[in-house]
Amino acid sequence: MGDRKYFGTDGIRGRANTYPMTAEVALRVGLAAGKLFRTGDDRRHLVVIGKDTRLSGYTIEPALVAGFASVGMDVRTFGPVPTPGVAMLTRSMRADLGVMISASHNDYADNGIKLFGPDGYKLSDEIELKIEALMDDGLDQGLAPSNKLGRVKRIDDAQARYIEIAKQAFPKRLSLQGLRIAIDCANGAGYKVAPTTLFELGAEVFPVGVTPNGTNINAECGSTHPATLVEAVKRYRADIGIALDGDADRLIICDEKGQVVDGDQIMALVGLDWAKRGRLAGGGVVATVMSNLGLERRLKAEGLTLERTKVGDRYVMERMREGGFNIGGEQSGHIILHDHATTGDGLMAALQVLAVLVEAGKPMSELARQFDPVPQKLENVRFTAGKPLENDTVKAAIAEAEAALNGSGRLLVRPSGTEKLIRVMAEGDDAALVKRVVSDVSAAVKAAG
């Protein structure tokens, strides 16, 4: 991935109003992607654009719109809507391209641009590289003649459409009647759609993080700051708590006692339930190299596999499509339910957990721990220069750590896709050993970088 100038593992991302997250780069994305997706025939081409609640959305969105319209693509803007909503509506409105303006769980000062193809899936690396190649064209190249410019409209019912699609995913035979649900929307893209969906399905809803002001997205709230949700669950005596991140494509759950449940437990809960009902496709679940060994063992005990991919929900999705799986996700709470969505969707995943909860008629705390997690430790090591992973001492430290864990656990050392960090993770049955190998490898990386 070293030859990528703009795109990281999840679209283009950076500090808002500094390169590469400037209005100029956004304009170039619109021009380049527009040229690539305008297939040369005479029909009108359409791009749909959603965003989260960040202040900088007001600079990125008009720049994208100008780029697309000036190469002759029609544009529909949705305003704040979850990332999975953009993916869904790209497909349902027969658009050629979907764009989400968001930096997900990062704080408000960052922003990002994610692109979806006409099928609602994130674009492949190959297409992103083609867009990059076109982004360095002159700003006056390949523009549409004046009578062929794109037209732009704001679509006001995008949220309502998404709510209807989400409700369809909840089993008809069930209702959320009588359930008290606390939901933390991170002051982000799901702040209207998520509480409304739960309310319309019958729940008593206690929303927090639903007063976005442009700078409070993910601030002390949402799936990356579970304390707020835990507090809300206790305050409202809720039966379950749900926290989304800023673009609502991931979630964490908290039971009625305030215990937090991560993506691995959610995949186990929904996966095993679907397996029991004959709904699980592919004979297992797809997760990343970060998912806990406990999840793998639990699935194995039920005769199911855990397939692992590189970190990044798009790689999980690719593997799911290849292998015909319908559940996949990440420990961080990106859950992809392929029967219902083409990308991670926090609200859809929450609805499946709620379906299991209602059906079981037990408190959430009895369902939350599907397996005992194996001790796992992650350390992020910042580096300034060079490629620490190619250093001989680092290689030796890694080999030594792997030998020490021999069969009773695993070690994972990888560079971050979005910043200058090396992530060192180990897990195994012996917590002290896990801690030791992580600190040894981290020390070697620090010395090298």
Protein backbone atom coordinates (compact mmCIF):
# COMPACT_ATOMS: atom_id res chain seq x y z
CA MET A 1 0.00 0.00 0.00
CA GLY A 2 3.07 2.24 0.04
CA ASP A 3 2.31 3.77 -3.35
CA ARG A 4 -0.92 5.38 -2.19
CA LYS A 5 -0.78 9.13 -1.94
CA TYR A 6 -4.26 9.98 -0.66
CA PHE A 7 -6.18 6.83 0.23
CA GLY A 8 -5.49 4.92 3.44
CA THR A 9 -7.20 1.75 4.68
CA ASP A 10 -10.55 3.52 4.94
CA GLY A 11 -10.78 6.23 2.31
CA ILE A 12 -8.96 9.55 2.63
CA ARG A 13 -8.62 10.85 6.14
CA GLY A 14 -6.81 13.63 7.96
CA ARG A 15 -7.04 16.80 9.96
CA ALA A 16 -9.77 18.99 8.51
CA ASN A 17 -8.57 21.98 6.50
CA THR A 18 -4.99 20.71 6.31
CA TYR A 19 -3.64 18.56 3.46
CA PRO A 20 -4.98 16.04 2.39
CA MET A 21 -8.31 16.93 4.01
CA THR A 22 -8.78 20.28 2.27
CA ALA A 23 -11.51 21.63 0.02
CA GLU A 24 -9.05 21.46 -2.88
CA VAL A 25 -8.39 17.75 -2.42
CA ALA A 26 -12.15 17.16 -2.06
CA LEU A 27 -12.68 19.03 -5.33
CA ARG A 28 -10.06 16.81 -6.97
CA VAL A 29 -11.78 13.68 -5.62
CA GLY A 30 -15.08 14.85 -7.16
CA LEU A 31 -13.44 15.61 -10.51
CA ALA A 32 -11.46 12.35 -10.61
CA ALA A 33 -14.15 9.95 -9.36
CA GLY A 34 -16.70 11.70 -11.54
CA LYS A 35 -14.57 11.20 -14.66
CA LEU A 36 -13.97 7.56 -13.81
CA PHE A 37 -17.62 6.72 -13.15
CA ARG A 38 -19.06 8.68 -16.06
CA THR A 39 -19.09 5.77 -18.43
CA GLY A 40 -19.26 7.79 -21.61
CA ASP A 41 -22.86 7.04 -22.64
CA ASP A 42 -25.45 9.76 -22.78
CA ARG A 43 -27.51 8.91 -19.71
CA ARG A 44 -27.39 11.13 -16.63
CA HIS A 45 -24.89 9.91 -14.04
CA LEU A 46 -25.69 10.21 -10.37
CA VAL A 47 -23.64 10.49 -7.19
CA VAL A 48 -25.16 10.57 -3.69
CA ILE A 49 -23.38 12.23 -0.76
CA GLY A 50 -23.96 11.79 2.97
CA LYS A 51 -22.05 13.20 5.92
CA ASP A 52 -21.79 13.12 9.68
CA THR A 53 -22.14 16.16 11.94
CA ARG A 54 -18.61 17.63 11.81
CA LEU A 55 -18.22 21.34 11.26
CA SER A 56 -15.78 20.70 8.40
CA GLY A 57 -18.49 18.86 6.46
CA TYR A 58 -19.57 22.34 5.35
CA THR A 59 -16.28 22.82 3.46
CA ILE A 60 -15.81 19.28 2.13
CA GLU A 61 -19.34 18.71 0.82
CA PRO A 62 -19.64 21.78 -1.47
CA ALA A 63 -16.16 21.09 -2.87
CA LEU A 64 -17.10 17.50 -3.74
CA VAL A 65 -20.38 18.71 -5.22
CA ALA A 66 -18.57 21.26 -7.41
CA GLY A 67 -16.14 18.60 -8.63
CA PHE A 68 -18.83 16.07 -9.54
CA ALA A 69 -21.16 18.62 -11.15
CA SER A 70 -18.38 20.14 -13.23
CA VAL A 71 -17.62 16.80 -14.90
CA GLY A 72 -21.33 16.34 -15.61
CA MET A 73 -22.56 14.14 -12.75
CA ASP A 74 -25.88 14.88 -11.04
CA VAL A 75 -25.60 15.05 -7.26
CA ARG A 76 -28.01 14.29 -4.42
CA THR A 77 -26.96 15.36 -0.93
CA PHE A 78 -28.49 13.65 2.11
CA GLY A 79 -27.21 15.68 5.05
CA PRO A 80 -26.39 13.67 8.20
CA VAL A 81 -26.94 9.96 7.63
CA PRO A 82 -24.97 6.86 8.76
CA THR A 83 -22.21 5.50 6.50
CA PRO A 84 -24.20 2.27 5.92
CA GLY A 85 -27.18 4.42 4.91
CA VAL A 86 -25.10 5.96 2.12
CA ALA A 87 -24.03 2.49 0.97
CA MET A 88 -27.64 1.31 0.97
CA LEU A 89 -29.09 4.34 -0.77
CA THR A 90 -26.37 4.31 -3.44
CA ARG A 91 -27.75 0.94 -4.46
CA SER A 92 -31.43 1.62 -3.91
CA MET A 93 -31.39 4.94 -5.83
CA ARG A 94 -29.36 3.36 -8.67
CA ALA A 95 -26.56 5.88 -8.24
CA ASP A 96 -23.19 5.37 -9.94
CA LEU A 97 -21.30 6.30 -6.81
CA GLY A 98 -21.87 7.03 -3.12
CA VAL A 99 -19.73 9.27 -0.94
CA MET A 100 -19.62 9.53 2.85
CA ILE A 101 -17.91 12.49 4.49
CA SER A 102 -16.77 11.33 7.91
CA ALA A 103 -13.77 10.43 10.04
CA SER A 104 -15.77 7.80 11.86
CA HIS A 105 -14.74 7.57 15.55
CA ASN A 106 -12.03 10.29 15.38
CA ASP A 107 -12.63 13.64 17.04
CA TYR A 108 -14.28 16.55 15.25
CA ALA A 109 -11.01 18.10 14.03
CA ASP A 110 -10.52 15.22 11.58
CA ASN A 111 -12.58 14.39 8.54
CA GLY A 112 -12.55 11.85 5.75
CA ILE A 113 -14.03 10.79 2.43
CA LYS A 114 -15.21 7.21 1.79
CA LEU A 115 -16.47 6.03 -1.60
CA PHE A 116 -18.98 3.31 -2.46
CA GLY A 117 -19.60 1.75 -5.86
CA PRO A 118 -23.02 1.31 -7.49
CA ASP A 119 -23.37 -2.06 -5.73
CA GLY A 120 -23.07 -0.40 -2.29
CA TYR A 121 -19.64 -1.88 -1.52
CA LYS A 122 -16.54 0.15 -0.66
CA LEU A 123 -14.39 0.66 -3.75
CA SER A 124 -11.51 -1.75 -4.34
CA ASP A 125 -7.87 -0.71 -3.92
CA GLU A 126 -7.56 -0.91 -7.69
CA ILE A 127 -10.30 1.67 -8.36
CA GLU A 128 -8.98 3.93 -5.59
CA LEU A 129 -5.57 3.93 -7.29
CA LYS A 130 -7.23 4.88 -10.59
CA ILE A 131 -8.95 7.79 -8.84
CA GLU A 132 -5.62 8.83 -7.32
CA ALA A 133 -3.99 8.87 -10.75
CA LEU A 134 -6.71 11.22 -12.04
CA MET A 135 -6.56 13.46 -8.97
CA ASP A 136 -3.27 15.01 -10.07
CA ASP A 137 -4.74 16.19 -13.41
CA GLY A 138 -5.05 19.91 -14.00
CA LEU A 139 -8.26 21.31 -12.50
CA ASP A 140 -9.39 22.33 -15.99
CA GLN A 141 -9.01 18.90 -17.58
CA GLY A 142 -11.94 16.74 -18.66
CA LEU A 143 -14.66 19.20 -17.67
CA ALA A 144 -18.16 18.84 -19.08
CA PRO A 145 -19.40 21.31 -21.74
CA SER A 146 -21.64 24.03 -20.28
CA ASN A 147 -24.86 22.34 -21.38
CA LYS A 148 -23.86 19.03 -19.75
CA LEU A 149 -23.13 20.19 -16.20
CA GLY A 150 -24.59 18.18 -13.33
CA ARG A 151 -27.63 19.29 -11.34
CA VAL A 152 -27.68 19.18 -7.56
CA LYS A 153 -30.56 18.52 -5.15
CA ARG A 154 -30.84 18.01 -1.41
CA ILE A 155 -32.83 14.85 -0.64
CA ASP A 156 -34.83 15.35 2.52
CA ASP A 157 -36.18 11.84 3.00
CA ALA A 158 -32.84 9.98 3.05
CA GLN A 159 -33.13 9.41 6.79
CA ALA A 160 -36.70 8.14 6.52
CA ARG A 161 -35.65 5.70 3.78
CA TYR A 162 -32.82 4.36 5.92
CA ILE A 163 -35.12 3.95 8.95
CA GLU A 164 -37.57 1.88 6.87
CA ILE A 165 -34.78 -0.36 5.55
CA ALA A 166 -33.42 -0.84 9.08
CA LYS A 167 -36.84 -1.76 10.47
CA GLN A 168 -37.24 -4.41 7.75
CA ALA A 169 -34.19 -6.18 9.20
CA PHE A 170 -35.88 -6.75 12.57
CA PRO A 171 -37.83 -10.04 12.68
CA LYS A 172 -41.54 -9.42 12.00
CA ARG A 173 -42.61 -11.84 14.73
CA LEU A 174 -40.93 -9.76 17.46
CA SER A 175 -41.45 -6.35 19.03
CA LEU A 176 -39.34 -4.15 21.30
CA GLN A 177 -42.45 -3.39 23.38
CA GLY A 178 -41.64 -3.08 27.07
CA LEU A 179 -37.87 -2.83 26.53
CA ARG A 180 -35.96 0.13 28.00
CA ILE A 181 -33.06 1.00 25.71
CA ALA A 182 -30.36 3.60 26.32
CA ILE A 183 -28.68 4.68 23.09
CA ASP A 184 -25.61 6.89 22.72
CA CYS A 185 -25.39 8.31 19.20
CA ALA A 186 -21.98 10.00 19.70
CA ASN A 187 -23.48 13.34 18.57
CA GLY A 188 -22.89 11.86 15.15
CA ALA A 189 -24.56 10.69 11.96
CA GLY A 190 -27.04 8.36 13.67
CA TYR A 191 -28.44 10.95 16.06
CA LYS A 192 -31.91 11.00 14.43
CA VAL A 193 -32.25 7.65 12.70
CA ALA A 194 -31.18 5.33 15.53
CA PRO A 195 -33.52 6.51 18.32
CA THR A 196 -36.40 6.84 15.83
CA THR A 197 -35.95 3.28 14.54
CA LEU A 198 -35.93 1.82 18.06
CA PHE A 199 -38.96 3.90 19.06
CA GLU A 200 -40.96 2.85 16.00
CA LEU A 201 -40.20 -0.81 16.76
CA GLY A 202 -41.84 -0.37 20.17
CA ALA A 203 -39.03 0.37 22.62
CA GLU A 204 -38.90 2.96 25.34
CA VAL A 205 -35.83 4.93 24.21
CA PHE A 206 -33.44 7.00 26.32
CA PRO A 207 -31.13 8.78 23.89
CA VAL A 208 -27.85 10.51 24.76
CA GLY A 209 -25.31 12.07 22.39
CA VAL A 210 -28.10 13.44 20.19
CA THR A 211 -27.30 17.17 20.28
CA PRO A 212 -24.59 17.63 17.66
CA ASN A 213 -23.11 21.11 17.36
CA GLY A 214 -20.33 20.47 14.83
CA THR A 215 -17.56 20.01 17.38
CA ASN A 216 -18.93 17.52 19.93
CA ILE A 217 -18.98 14.40 17.72
CA ASN A 218 -17.38 11.47 19.64
CA ALA A 219 -16.48 13.89 22.46
CA GLU A 220 -16.72 11.94 25.72
CA CYS A 221 -19.47 9.83 24.12
CA GLY A 222 -20.12 7.11 21.59
CA SER A 223 -18.61 3.62 21.20
CA THR A 224 -15.06 4.82 21.90
CA HIS A 225 -16.06 6.31 25.27
CA PRO A 226 -18.33 3.67 26.86
CA ALA A 227 -18.47 5.36 30.28
CA THR A 228 -21.21 7.69 29.03
CA LEU A 229 -23.37 4.77 27.91
CA VAL A 230 -22.76 2.85 31.15
CA GLU A 231 -23.85 5.91 33.13
CA ALA A 232 -27.01 6.31 30.99
CA VAL A 233 -27.93 2.62 31.42
CA LYS A 234 -27.74 3.01 35.20
CA ARG A 235 -29.48 6.38 35.25
CA TYR A 236 -32.45 5.19 33.16
CA ARG A 237 -32.45 1.62 34.54
CA ALA A 238 -32.27 0.40 30.96
CA ASP A 239 -32.42 -3.26 29.94
CA ILE A 240 -29.61 -2.71 27.44
CA GLY A 241 -27.36 0.09 26.23
CA ILE A 242 -26.18 0.67 22.66
CA ALA A 243 -23.41 3.09 21.67
CA LEU A 244 -22.66 4.00 18.05
CA ASP A 245 -19.60 5.82 16.73
CA GLY A 246 -19.60 9.10 14.81
CA ASP A 247 -20.70 7.62 11.47
CA ALA A 248 -22.79 4.84 13.05
CA ASP A 249 -21.05 1.97 11.26
CA ARG A 250 -19.92 0.37 14.53
CA LEU A 251 -21.37 -0.24 17.97
CA ILE A 252 -20.71 -1.54 21.42
CA ILE A 253 -23.36 -2.94 23.75
CA CYS A 254 -23.62 -2.69 27.50
CA ASP A 255 -25.81 -4.99 29.62
CA GLU A 256 -28.27 -3.86 32.30
CA LYS A 257 -25.50 -4.06 34.92
CA GLY A 258 -23.29 -1.70 32.97
CA GLN A 259 -20.84 -4.31 31.66
CA VAL A 260 -19.48 -3.50 28.22
CA VAL A 261 -19.74 -6.06 25.42
CA ASP A 262 -17.33 -5.76 22.47
CA GLY A 263 -17.63 -6.75 18.81
CA ASP A 264 -16.25 -10.26 19.40
CA GLN A 265 -19.01 -11.10 21.90
CA ILE A 266 -21.63 -9.57 19.59
CA MET A 267 -20.44 -11.73 16.67
CA ALA A 268 -20.57 -14.80 18.90
CA LEU A 269 -24.06 -13.96 20.18
CA VAL A 270 -25.60 -13.28 16.77
CA GLY A 271 -23.54 -15.91 14.93
CA LEU A 272 -24.46 -18.74 17.30
CA ASP A 273 -28.11 -17.67 17.30
CA TRP A 274 -28.19 -17.65 13.50
CA ALA A 275 -26.40 -21.03 13.38
CA LYS A 276 -29.07 -22.49 15.65
CA ARG A 277 -31.79 -21.17 13.30
CA GLY A 278 -30.05 -22.38 10.16
CA ARG A 279 -29.52 -18.77 9.07
CA LEU A 280 -25.71 -18.71 9.27
CA ALA A 281 -24.04 -18.96 5.86
CA GLY A 282 -20.50 -20.11 5.12
CA GLY A 283 -20.17 -22.36 8.18
CA GLY A 284 -18.66 -19.67 10.37
CA VAL A 285 -17.83 -16.03 10.94
CA VAL A 286 -15.23 -13.72 9.39
CA ALA A 287 -13.17 -11.50 11.71
CA THR A 288 -9.77 -9.85 11.67
CA VAL A 289 -6.42 -10.82 13.16
CA MET A 290 -7.36 -8.66 16.19
CA SER A 291 -10.30 -10.79 17.29
CA ASN A 292 -9.87 -12.72 20.52
CA LEU A 293 -8.75 -16.34 20.57
CA GLY A 294 -11.69 -17.02 22.90
CA LEU A 295 -14.09 -16.27 20.04
CA GLU A 296 -12.27 -18.71 17.77
CA ARG A 297 -12.42 -21.45 20.42
CA ARG A 298 -16.10 -20.85 21.17
CA LEU A 299 -17.07 -21.11 17.51
CA LYS A 300 -14.89 -24.19 17.08
CA ALA A 301 -16.70 -25.86 19.98
CA GLU A 302 -19.93 -25.47 17.97
CA GLY A 303 -18.32 -26.82 14.79
CA LEU A 304 -17.98 -23.35 13.25
CA THR A 305 -14.90 -21.66 11.84
CA LEU A 306 -13.43 -18.22 12.44
CA GLU A 307 -11.82 -16.91 9.27
CA ARG A 308 -9.32 -14.10 9.87
CA THR A 309 -8.41 -11.21 7.58
CA LYS A 310 -6.25 -8.09 7.70
CA VAL A 311 -7.60 -5.27 9.86
CA GLY A 312 -10.21 -3.15 8.08
CA ASP A 313 -13.88 -3.86 7.53
CA ARG A 314 -13.43 -3.82 3.74
CA TYR A 315 -11.13 -6.86 3.97
CA VAL A 316 -13.68 -8.62 6.16
CA MET A 317 -16.34 -7.85 3.54
CA GLU A 318 -14.16 -9.12 0.67
CA ARG A 319 -13.59 -12.43 2.47
CA MET A 320 -17.31 -12.71 3.27
CA ARG A 321 -18.20 -12.27 -0.38
CA GLU A 322 -15.59 -14.79 -1.53
CA GLY A 323 -16.61 -17.43 1.01
CA GLY A 324 -20.35 -16.83 1.10
CA PHE A 325 -20.40 -15.78 4.78
CA ASN A 326 -23.19 -13.57 6.12
CA ILE A 327 -21.68 -12.46 9.45
CA GLY A 328 -18.34 -10.79 9.90
CA GLY A 329 -16.78 -7.96 11.79
CA GLU A 330 -14.15 -6.48 14.02
CA GLN A 331 -13.55 -6.53 17.76
CA SER A 332 -13.95 -2.74 17.69
CA GLY A 333 -17.64 -3.19 16.88
CA HIS A 334 -17.81 -3.03 13.08
CA ILE A 335 -20.35 -5.78 12.44
CA ILE A 336 -21.31 -6.68 8.88
CA LEU A 337 -24.55 -8.57 8.37
CA HIS A 338 -24.47 -9.38 4.69
CA ASP A 339 -28.14 -10.35 4.54
CA HIS A 340 -28.98 -6.74 5.38
CA ALA A 341 -26.05 -4.50 4.48
CA THR A 342 -22.92 -4.16 2.35
CA THR A 343 -20.80 -2.55 5.06
CA GLY A 344 -20.60 -2.35 8.86
CA ASP A 345 -23.84 -1.06 10.37
CA GLY A 346 -24.16 -0.31 14.09
CA LEU A 347 -27.93 0.00 14.12
CA MET A 348 -28.55 -3.18 12.08
CA ALA A 349 -26.21 -5.12 14.38
CA ALA A 350 -27.97 -3.69 17.47
CA LEU A 351 -31.32 -4.84 16.07
CA GLN A 352 -30.02 -8.41 15.72
CA VAL A 353 -28.76 -8.38 19.32
CA LEU A 354 -32.15 -7.04 20.43
CA ALA A 355 -33.89 -9.83 18.50
CA VAL A 356 -31.85 -12.44 20.41
CA LEU A 357 -32.56 -10.62 23.69
CA VAL A 358 -36.33 -10.45 23.12
CA GLU A 359 -36.52 -14.05 21.94
CA ALA A 360 -34.48 -15.39 24.88
CA GLY A 361 -36.54 -13.51 27.46
CA LYS A 362 -33.46 -13.34 29.69
CA PRO A 363 -31.62 -10.28 30.98
CA MET A 364 -28.80 -9.06 28.70
CA SER A 365 -26.17 -9.89 31.35
CA GLU A 366 -26.95 -13.60 30.90
CA LEU A 367 -26.38 -13.38 27.15
CA ALA A 368 -23.49 -10.93 27.07
CA ARG A 369 -20.61 -13.29 27.83
CA GLN A 370 -20.66 -15.85 25.06
CA PHE A 371 -17.04 -16.81 25.81
CA ASP A 372 -14.26 -15.92 28.23
CA PRO A 373 -11.76 -13.74 26.43
CA VAL A 374 -8.15 -14.87 26.48
CA PRO A 375 -5.80 -12.25 28.03
CA GLN A 376 -4.89 -9.85 25.24
CA LYS A 377 -2.55 -6.85 25.30
CA LEU A 378 -2.11 -4.18 22.66
CA GLU A 379 0.53 -1.48 22.61
CA ASN A 380 0.81 1.28 20.01
CA VAL A 381 4.38 2.42 19.42
CA ARG A 382 4.90 5.76 17.64
CA PHE A 383 7.90 6.04 15.33
CA THR A 384 9.30 9.01 13.47
CA ALA A 385 11.47 7.60 10.72
CA GLY A 386 12.35 4.56 8.69
CA LYS A 387 10.72 1.14 8.65
CA PRO A 388 11.19 -0.33 12.14
CA LEU A 389 9.71 -3.68 11.06
CA GLU A 390 12.61 -4.25 8.64
CA ASN A 391 15.16 -3.80 11.44
CA ASP A 392 17.09 -6.97 12.42
CA THR A 393 16.80 -6.50 16.20
CA VAL A 394 13.04 -6.06 15.80
CA LYS A 395 12.83 -9.20 13.67
CA ALA A 396 14.80 -11.11 16.31
CA ALA A 397 12.55 -9.83 19.13
CA ILE A 398 9.49 -10.93 17.18
CA ALA A 399 10.93 -14.41 16.55
CA GLU A 400 11.79 -14.76 20.23
CA ALA A 401 8.30 -13.68 21.31
CA GLU A 402 6.70 -16.16 18.92
CA ALA A 403 8.84 -18.96 20.31
CA ALA A 404 7.87 -18.02 23.88
CA LEU A 405 4.15 -18.10 23.03
CA ASN A 406 4.64 -21.38 21.16
CA GLY A 407 1.16 -22.72 20.48
CA SER A 408 -0.47 -21.21 23.58
CA GLY A 409 -1.20 -17.85 22.01
CA ARG A 410 -0.30 -15.56 19.15
CA LEU A 411 1.64 -12.41 18.39
CA LEU A 412 0.69 -9.76 15.87
CA VAL A 413 2.88 -6.84 14.85
CA ARG A 414 1.57 -4.51 12.17
CA PRO A 415 1.80 -0.90 11.03
CA SER A 416 -1.33 1.27 11.39
CA GLY A 417 -3.05 2.05 8.10
CA THR A 418 -3.79 5.63 9.08
CA GLU A 419 -0.88 6.96 11.20
CA LYS A 420 2.82 6.47 12.02
CA LEU A 421 2.26 3.71 14.58
CA ILE A 422 3.31 0.12 14.97
CA ARG A 423 0.68 -1.94 16.77
CA VAL A 424 2.03 -4.78 18.89
CA MET A 425 -0.58 -7.25 20.10
CA ALA A 426 -0.26 -10.58 21.87
CA GLU A 427 -2.74 -12.93 23.46
CA GLY A 428 -2.54 -16.24 25.21
CA ASP A 429 -3.63 -18.15 28.28
CA ASP A 430 -0.73 -16.88 30.40
CA ALA A 431 -1.37 -13.17 31.10
CA ALA A 432 2.11 -12.49 32.52
CA LEU A 433 3.79 -13.98 29.46
CA VAL A 434 1.53 -11.98 27.14
CA LYS A 435 2.47 -8.78 28.95
CA ARG A 436 6.17 -9.60 28.79
CA VAL A 437 6.32 -10.36 25.06
CA VAL A 438 4.41 -7.17 24.20
CA SER A 439 6.77 -5.01 26.23
CA ASP A 440 9.86 -6.75 24.76
CA VAL A 441 8.74 -6.30 21.16
CA SER A 442 7.55 -2.73 21.80
CA ALA A 443 10.93 -1.83 23.33
CA ALA A 444 12.71 -3.18 20.25
CA VAL A 445 10.42 -1.21 17.91
CA LYS A 446 10.95 1.99 19.96
CA ALA A 447 14.72 1.58 19.81
CA ALA A 448 14.57 1.08 16.03
CA GLY A 449 12.14 3.86 15.20
